[in-house]
Protein backbone atom coordinates (compact mmCIF):
# COMPACT_ATOMS: atom_id res chain seq x y z
CA MET A 1 0.70 -8.30 11.82
CA ARG A 2 3.16 -6.42 13.92
CA GLY A 3 3.24 -2.67 13.31
CA PHE A 4 -0.21 -2.56 11.71
CA VAL A 5 -3.39 -1.05 13.02
CA PRO A 6 -5.70 -4.08 12.94
CA PRO A 7 -8.66 -3.83 10.55
CA ASP A 8 -12.09 -3.42 12.11
CA ASP A 9 -14.29 -6.38 11.10
CA GLN A 10 -17.45 -4.28 11.52
CA THR A 11 -16.47 -1.56 9.05
CA GLU A 12 -14.63 -1.29 5.75
CA VAL A 13 -12.56 1.73 6.72
CA SER A 14 -9.25 -0.09 6.35
CA SER A 15 -8.81 -3.13 4.12
CA GLU A 16 -6.22 -5.00 2.08
CA GLN A 17 -6.01 -3.70 -1.48
CA TRP A 18 -3.85 -4.01 -4.59
CA ALA A 19 -1.76 -0.95 -5.34
CA VAL A 20 1.13 0.61 -7.18
CA VAL A 21 3.48 2.35 -4.76
CA TYR A 22 5.86 5.15 -5.70
CA MET A 23 8.91 5.19 -3.49
CA PRO A 24 12.63 5.70 -4.02
CA GLY A 25 13.37 2.74 -1.73
CA ARG A 26 11.37 -0.34 -0.84
CA ASN A 27 12.52 -0.68 2.75
CA ARG A 28 9.65 1.03 4.60
CA LYS A 29 6.61 -0.58 6.19
CA ARG A 30 4.20 2.31 5.64
CA TYR A 31 3.70 4.80 2.83
CA PRO A 32 1.92 8.16 2.60
CA ALA A 33 -1.38 8.10 0.70
CA ASN A 34 -0.01 10.39 -2.02
CA CYS A 35 2.54 7.67 -2.92
CA VAL A 36 -0.08 4.92 -3.27
CA ARG A 37 -2.41 4.36 -6.23
CA ILE A 38 -5.10 1.76 -5.54
CA VAL A 39 -5.97 -0.55 -8.45
CA ASP A 40 -8.64 -3.22 -8.95
CA SER A 41 -6.53 -6.37 -9.25
CA GLN A 42 -3.16 -7.96 -8.78
CA GLU A 43 -2.73 -8.16 -12.55
CA GLU A 44 -3.43 -4.44 -12.92
CA ALA A 45 -0.87 -3.62 -10.21
CA LYS A 46 1.76 -5.73 -11.96
CA ALA A 47 0.95 -4.20 -15.36
CA ALA A 48 1.28 -0.66 -13.97
CA ALA A 49 4.65 -1.35 -12.34
CA ARG A 50 7.54 0.70 -13.65
CA PRO A 51 10.62 -0.06 -11.51
CA ALA A 52 12.74 2.41 -13.52
CA GLN A 53 10.29 5.15 -12.44
CA ARG A 54 10.14 3.69 -8.91
CA LEU A 55 6.57 2.39 -9.22
CA PHE A 56 6.25 -1.00 -7.54
CA PRO A 57 3.26 -3.38 -7.34
CA ALA A 58 2.15 -4.30 -3.83
CA ARG A 59 -0.65 -5.42 -1.56
CA VAL A 60 -1.34 -2.76 1.06
CA LEU A 61 -3.55 -2.30 4.11
CA GLY A 62 -5.31 1.00 4.57
CA PRO A 63 -6.06 3.76 4.57
CA SER A 64 -5.15 4.44 8.18
CA LYS A 65 -4.34 7.58 10.11
CA SER A 66 -0.85 7.76 11.59
CA SER A 67 -0.04 9.15 15.01
CA GLU A 68 1.21 12.27 13.18
CA GLY A 69 -2.24 12.74 11.62
CA GLN A 70 -1.28 11.69 8.08
CA VAL A 71 -3.14 9.14 5.97
CA VAL A 72 -0.90 6.11 5.35
CA TYR A 73 -1.00 2.64 3.85
CA TYR A 74 0.87 -0.29 5.39
CA LEU A 75 2.80 -2.69 3.19
CA VAL A 76 1.49 -6.26 3.33
CA GLU A 77 3.74 -7.61 0.57
CA TRP A 78 5.63 -6.58 -2.54
CA LEU A 79 4.49 -8.40 -5.69
CA SER A 80 7.03 -9.84 -8.06
CA THR A 81 7.08 -8.15 -11.47
């Protein structure tokens, strides 16, 4: 996974999760934590998607701390709606 901070197998600090991501464009690889809402399942992420309001379902990896000191999530994949 190029560009990702690899998850630590001995802790659960950073893990893959289902989410709804708010973003004007879907061309980034990482998103600030305040733009990401973690949900319990893929179905819940798809149900909460609102493309007209720029809310997109995704699978993300995180949370992680960026080199700038911000909490970010890395995009694993966009889910089809």
